[in-house]
């Protein structure tokens, strides 16, 4: 397989409970609307959505040699995702989360920190190399892994840039207590850094979006896009500053909202859309996703997102 996009990061199995009331652990049984088992994790969600938007995507993650790992791989194959970039870890279990979705669509996660995904190194399996077919690489879990290192990331992204790929990266709250300074050699290789507002504040120590972006520019990041939740998205580049509001019609489940934005944004950029158009396309992709339960059930195609944009501006 010669993918045009590679997504690297978290792969999880999620047990979703919808309509969870505010309850304490009191030994009683409480009623919820539904309970389901799905695959998730930021890299997984990005990969599935990008595939549905019409792109050839490879997922690079790690799962354990267990029932959850088998379930994860089977569901990836069922979704049409290549599994050749998935590493089976013999030491750590598959990342498995309990996702509690409230009646307002907001969610909380229960997860074990040490798992196959959180312990992976950010490197491609030895048989997989970036080629001239590669248009983009997305580091979906920057700062996530206990074994993440500046050296591994620099090597990976240098190879991706040499192949002519655009590099995207999303942040997560770190497990390893890394700082921007610890990834100083990696950050200049990132074309688009797309953190959430809370993540951006955590790593930069700044509160204003423009100050956050300017701080990240000082580390060599070329373009900064900040996901602002209900306030939309903010972007800052060397030559441009813009903000796009949310176009969500209804909120059923916000799980994967940022991952779907990222997938839509990547799709739009590699198809040649201008920055504001790409932000709007990403926002529409996210809006469709949060209209249904689960992170990857709602987005079906590129044309669907374009049609949504025509009626939700």
Protein backbone atom coordinates (compact mmCIF):
# COMPACT_ATOMS: atom_id res chain seq x y z
CA UNK A 1 0.00 0.00 0.00
CA UNK A 2 1.23 3.49 -0.90
CA UNK A 3 -0.99 5.84 1.15
CA UNK A 4 -1.49 9.51 0.41
CA UNK A 5 -2.02 10.19 4.13
CA UNK A 6 -0.55 8.52 7.23
CA UNK A 7 -2.14 9.07 10.65
CA UNK A 8 -0.06 8.18 13.71
CA UNK A 9 -1.34 8.09 17.27
CA UNK A 10 -3.92 6.62 19.59
CA UNK A 11 -5.95 3.52 18.83
CA UNK A 12 -8.52 2.57 21.46
CA UNK A 13 -11.57 0.45 22.08
CA UNK A 14 -14.33 2.56 23.60
CA UNK A 15 -17.32 1.39 25.61
CA UNK A 16 -19.82 4.24 25.20
CA UNK A 17 -22.69 4.84 27.57
CA UNK A 18 -25.12 7.55 26.40
CA UNK A 19 -27.43 9.57 28.63
CA UNK A 20 -25.40 9.07 31.77
CA UNK A 21 -26.98 10.78 34.82
CA UNK A 22 -24.98 12.58 37.48
CA UNK A 23 -24.54 9.70 39.91
CA UNK A 24 -22.12 8.62 42.58
CA UNK A 25 -20.75 5.11 43.04
CA UNK A 26 -23.54 3.95 45.33
CA UNK A 27 -23.77 0.25 44.43
CA UNK A 28 -27.05 0.73 42.55
CA UNK A 29 -27.97 0.12 38.89
CA UNK A 30 -28.69 3.31 36.94
CA UNK A 31 -30.51 3.51 33.62
CA UNK A 32 -28.88 5.02 30.50
CA UNK A 33 -30.13 5.46 26.95
CA UNK A 34 -27.70 3.04 25.29
CA UNK A 35 -24.40 1.22 25.66
CA UNK A 36 -22.19 0.33 22.69
CA UNK A 37 -18.66 -0.80 21.86
CA UNK A 38 -16.68 1.05 19.21
CA UNK A 39 -13.10 1.73 18.17
CA UNK A 40 -11.69 5.17 18.75
CA UNK A 41 -8.65 7.26 19.57
CA UNK A 42 -7.65 10.38 17.67
CA UNK A 43 -5.59 8.68 14.95
CA UNK A 44 -8.31 6.07 14.43
CA UNK A 45 -11.06 8.67 14.13
CA UNK A 46 -9.02 10.81 11.74
CA UNK A 47 -8.19 7.80 9.57
CA UNK A 48 -11.77 6.56 9.26
CA UNK A 49 -13.14 10.02 8.46
CA UNK A 50 -10.39 10.75 5.92
CA UNK A 51 -11.11 7.41 4.26
CA UNK A 52 -14.79 8.34 3.98
CA UNK A 53 -13.82 11.72 2.55
CA UNK A 54 -12.19 9.84 -0.31
CA UNK A 55 -8.54 9.43 0.67
CA UNK A 56 -6.16 6.44 0.78
CA UNK A 57 -5.05 6.47 4.41
CA UNK A 58 -2.74 4.34 6.54
CA UNK A 59 -3.23 4.11 10.29
CA UNK A 60 -0.11 3.66 12.43
CA UNK A 61 -0.86 2.69 16.02
CA UNK A 62 -0.38 -0.15 18.51
CA UNK A 63 -2.76 -2.58 20.19
CA UNK A 64 -2.27 -5.40 22.65
CA UNK A 65 -2.29 -9.12 21.95
CA UNK A 66 -5.75 -9.48 23.50
CA UNK A 67 -9.47 -9.66 22.70
CA UNK A 68 -9.78 -5.87 22.53
CA UNK A 69 -6.89 -5.75 20.06
CA UNK A 70 -8.53 -8.38 17.86
CA UNK A 71 -11.80 -6.42 18.00
CA UNK A 72 -9.96 -3.22 17.06
CA UNK A 73 -8.19 -4.75 14.06
CA UNK A 74 -11.40 -6.42 12.83
CA UNK A 75 -13.32 -3.14 13.02
CA UNK A 76 -10.55 -1.28 11.14
CA UNK A 77 -10.70 -3.87 8.37
CA UNK A 78 -14.50 -3.64 8.35
CA UNK A 79 -14.20 0.13 7.89
CA UNK A 80 -11.90 -0.38 4.89
CA UNK A 81 -8.75 0.72 6.74
CA UNK A 82 -5.42 -0.98 6.04
CA UNK A 83 -4.12 -2.76 9.15
CA UNK A 84 -0.49 -3.16 8.02
CA UNK A 85 0.60 -0.15 10.08
CA UNK A 86 -0.86 -1.54 13.32
CA UNK A 87 1.71 -3.00 15.71
CA UNK A 88 0.68 -5.80 18.10
CA UNK A 89 2.37 -5.18 21.45
CA UNK A 90 3.15 -8.30 23.47
CA UNK A 91 3.76 -6.40 26.72
CA UNK A 92 0.93 -3.90 27.13
CA UNK A 93 -2.86 -4.27 26.67
CA UNK A 94 -5.00 -2.51 24.11
CA UNK A 95 -6.04 0.96 25.19
CA UNK A 96 -9.63 0.57 26.36
CA UNK A 97 -11.80 3.43 27.62
CA UNK A 98 -15.20 3.83 29.20
CA UNK A 99 -16.82 6.91 27.66
CA UNK A 100 -19.63 8.48 29.69
CA UNK A 101 -21.82 10.72 27.51
CA UNK A 102 -24.15 13.08 29.38
CA UNK A 103 -27.56 14.24 28.22
CA UNK A 104 -25.95 17.48 26.95
CA UNK A 105 -23.52 15.59 24.71
CA UNK A 106 -20.46 16.30 26.83
CA UNK A 107 -18.35 13.32 27.76
CA UNK A 108 -15.89 12.00 30.33
CA UNK A 109 -13.38 9.18 29.92
CA UNK A 110 -12.20 6.42 32.23
CA UNK A 111 -8.92 4.94 31.01
CA UNK A 112 -5.79 3.10 32.14
CA UNK A 113 -2.74 5.27 31.32
CA UNK A 114 -0.24 2.52 30.43
CA UNK A 115 -1.35 0.63 27.33
CA UNK A 116 -0.02 -0.40 23.92
CA UNK A 117 -0.98 2.90 22.33
CA UNK A 118 0.42 5.11 25.08
CA UNK A 119 3.71 3.19 25.11
CA UNK A 120 4.35 3.17 21.36
CA UNK A 121 7.27 4.97 19.75
CA UNK A 122 6.30 7.42 17.04
CA UNK A 123 7.95 5.53 14.21
CA UNK A 124 6.55 3.74 11.19
CA UNK A 125 6.90 -0.06 11.06
CA UNK A 126 10.18 -0.94 9.36
CA UNK A 127 8.60 -2.07 6.09
CA UNK A 128 6.71 1.21 5.64
CA UNK A 129 8.53 4.23 4.22
CA UNK A 130 7.22 7.62 3.05
CA UNK A 131 7.10 7.75 -0.76
CA UNK A 132 6.37 10.42 -3.33
CA UNK A 133 2.71 9.34 -3.17
CA UNK A 134 2.48 10.67 0.39
CA UNK A 135 0.67 14.01 0.54
CA UNK A 136 0.29 14.40 4.28
CA UNK A 137 1.29 12.91 7.59
CA UNK A 138 -0.70 13.61 10.75
CA UNK A 139 0.77 13.20 14.22
CA UNK A 140 -2.58 12.86 15.93
CA UNK A 141 -1.24 12.50 19.47
CA UNK A 142 1.69 14.89 19.92
CA UNK A 143 2.91 14.67 23.54
CA UNK A 144 0.87 11.49 24.19
CA UNK A 145 3.24 8.54 24.37
CA UNK A 146 5.47 7.71 27.32
CA UNK A 147 8.10 6.65 24.75
CA UNK A 148 7.77 9.64 22.46
CA UNK A 149 11.05 11.39 21.78
CA UNK A 150 12.24 14.40 19.86
CA UNK A 151 14.70 12.18 17.95
CA UNK A 152 12.03 9.74 16.73
CA UNK A 153 9.69 12.50 15.67
CA UNK A 154 12.43 14.47 13.93
CA UNK A 155 13.51 11.38 11.98
CA UNK A 156 9.94 10.57 10.97
CA UNK A 157 8.99 14.10 9.94
CA UNK A 158 12.28 14.69 8.10
CA UNK A 159 11.51 11.64 5.96
CA UNK A 160 7.95 12.86 5.41
CA UNK A 161 9.11 16.32 4.35
CA UNK A 162 11.71 14.78 2.04
CA UNK A 163 8.86 12.87 0.35
CA UNK A 164 7.05 16.19 -0.14
CA UNK A 165 4.33 15.64 2.47
CA UNK A 166 2.56 18.34 4.46
CA UNK A 167 2.91 17.72 8.19
CA UNK A 168 -0.05 18.19 10.54
CA UNK A 169 -0.05 17.64 14.29
CA UNK A 170 -2.65 17.67 17.03
CA UNK A 171 -1.82 17.86 20.72
CA UNK A 172 -3.04 15.97 23.75
CA UNK A 173 -2.36 16.61 27.40
CA UNK A 174 0.95 14.89 27.96
CA UNK A 175 1.62 11.76 29.99
CA UNK A 176 5.39 12.22 29.98
CA UNK A 177 5.49 15.85 31.15
CA UNK A 178 7.21 17.01 27.99
CA UNK A 179 7.34 20.70 27.14
CA UNK A 180 7.64 22.64 23.90
CA UNK A 181 11.33 22.94 24.67
CA UNK A 182 11.67 19.13 24.70
CA UNK A 183 10.39 19.00 21.09
CA UNK A 184 12.35 21.98 19.81
CA UNK A 185 13.92 19.93 16.98
CA UNK A 186 10.54 18.54 15.90
CA UNK A 187 8.31 21.61 15.92
CA UNK A 188 9.89 23.40 12.90
CA UNK A 189 8.93 20.38 10.76
CA UNK A 190 5.22 20.91 11.50
CA UNK A 191 3.31 22.85 8.85
CA UNK A 192 -0.01 22.97 10.74
CA UNK A 193 -0.23 22.58 14.53
CA UNK A 194 -3.87 22.15 15.59
CA UNK A 195 -4.31 22.04 19.38
CA UNK A 196 -7.47 22.61 21.37
CA UNK A 197 -7.59 25.88 23.27
CA UNK A 198 -7.00 24.16 26.63
CA UNK A 199 -4.02 22.22 25.26
CA UNK A 200 -2.56 25.37 23.73
CA UNK A 201 -2.87 27.27 27.02
CA UNK A 202 -1.29 24.36 28.90
CA UNK A 203 1.81 24.21 26.69
CA UNK A 204 2.36 27.92 26.01
CA UNK A 205 1.23 29.50 29.28
CA UNK A 206 -0.68 32.11 27.24
CA UNK A 207 -4.43 32.76 27.24
CA UNK A 208 -5.08 34.91 24.17
CA UNK A 209 -5.24 33.01 20.86
CA UNK A 210 -2.91 35.45 19.10
CA UNK A 211 -0.33 35.24 21.89
CA UNK A 212 -0.58 31.44 21.84
CA UNK A 213 0.04 31.39 18.09
CA UNK A 214 2.95 33.81 18.29
CA UNK A 215 4.58 31.67 20.99
CA UNK A 216 4.28 28.57 18.82
CA UNK A 217 5.66 30.47 15.81
CA UNK A 218 8.75 31.21 17.90
CA UNK A 219 9.35 27.45 18.05
CA UNK A 220 9.21 27.23 14.26
CA UNK A 221 5.60 26.12 13.75
CA UNK A 222 4.49 27.64 10.46
CA UNK A 223 0.70 27.70 10.85
CA UNK A 224 -1.33 27.50 14.05
CA UNK A 225 -5.00 26.51 14.20
CA UNK A 226 -6.69 26.52 17.63
CA UNK A 227 -9.89 24.57 18.19
CA UNK A 228 -12.08 26.79 20.38
CA UNK A 229 -15.03 24.45 20.96
CA UNK A 230 -18.36 26.29 20.75
CA UNK A 231 -16.45 29.44 19.70
CA UNK A 232 -15.24 27.81 16.47
CA UNK A 233 -11.62 27.84 15.32
CA UNK A 234 -8.89 30.46 15.18
CA UNK A 235 -5.97 30.41 12.72
CA UNK A 236 -2.76 32.42 12.62
CA UNK A 237 -0.06 32.21 9.95
CA UNK A 238 2.81 34.45 8.86
CA UNK A 239 0.47 36.30 6.52
CA UNK A 240 -3.06 35.68 7.74
CA UNK A 241 -5.28 35.68 10.82
CA UNK A 242 -8.87 34.47 10.73
CA UNK A 243 -11.63 32.94 12.81
CA UNK A 244 -14.49 30.69 11.76
CA UNK A 245 -17.53 30.02 13.94
CA UNK A 246 -19.17 26.69 14.56
CA UNK A 247 -21.79 25.45 12.10
CA UNK A 248 -23.21 22.70 14.31
CA UNK A 249 -26.96 22.19 13.96
CA UNK A 250 -27.38 19.83 16.90
CA UNK A 251 -25.16 18.22 19.51
CA UNK A 252 -25.70 14.56 20.33
CA UNK A 253 -22.16 13.46 21.23
CA UNK A 254 -18.99 15.58 21.13
CA UNK A 255 -16.70 12.51 21.14
CA UNK A 256 -14.25 12.93 18.28
CA UNK A 257 -15.31 16.48 17.43
CA UNK A 258 -11.71 17.69 17.21
CA UNK A 259 -10.56 14.56 15.35
CA UNK A 260 -13.22 15.05 12.69
CA UNK A 261 -12.30 18.72 12.35
CA UNK A 262 -8.70 17.64 11.85
CA UNK A 263 -9.67 15.09 9.20
CA UNK A 264 -11.78 17.62 7.31
CA UNK A 265 -9.07 20.26 7.56
CA UNK A 266 -6.37 17.90 6.26
CA UNK A 267 -8.65 16.83 3.41
CA UNK A 268 -9.31 20.43 2.43
CA UNK A 269 -5.67 21.55 2.58
CA UNK A 270 -4.31 18.70 0.45
CA UNK A 271 -7.11 19.33 -2.07
CA UNK A 272 -5.85 22.90 -2.45
CA UNK A 273 -8.47 24.89 -0.53
CA UNK A 274 -7.41 28.21 0.93
CA UNK A 275 -7.03 28.51 4.70
CA UNK A 276 -10.48 29.94 5.50
CA UNK A 277 -12.18 27.44 3.19
CA UNK A 278 -10.27 24.62 4.88
CA UNK A 279 -11.34 25.85 8.32
CA UNK A 280 -14.96 25.95 7.17
CA UNK A 281 -14.73 22.45 5.68
CA UNK A 282 -13.18 21.11 8.87
CA UNK A 283 -15.86 22.81 10.96
CA UNK A 284 -18.62 21.30 8.82
CA UNK A 285 -17.05 17.83 9.10
CA UNK A 286 -16.99 18.19 12.88
CA UNK A 287 -20.56 19.53 12.98
CA UNK A 288 -21.85 16.50 11.09
CA UNK A 289 -19.92 14.15 13.38
CA UNK A 290 -21.30 15.51 16.65
CA UNK A 291 -24.86 15.19 15.36
CA UNK A 292 -24.81 11.43 16.02
CA UNK A 293 -23.58 9.12 18.78
CA UNK A 294 -19.97 8.00 18.36
CA UNK A 295 -16.98 9.62 16.74
CA UNK A 296 -17.12 8.16 13.23
CA UNK A 297 -20.69 7.20 12.40
CA UNK A 298 -22.03 10.37 10.82
CA UNK A 299 -19.55 11.51 8.15
CA UNK A 300 -20.11 9.58 4.92
CA UNK A 301 -18.48 11.44 2.04
CA UNK A 302 -16.79 14.58 0.72
CA UNK A 303 -19.98 15.57 -1.13
CA UNK A 304 -22.00 15.26 2.09
CA UNK A 305 -19.75 17.82 3.81
CA UNK A 306 -19.89 20.17 0.83
CA UNK A 307 -23.70 19.94 0.78
CA UNK A 308 -23.79 20.66 4.51
CA UNK A 309 -21.68 23.77 3.97
CA UNK A 310 -24.11 25.08 1.35
CA UNK A 311 -26.94 25.17 3.90
CA UNK A 312 -24.94 26.00 7.07
CA UNK A 313 -22.78 29.05 6.63
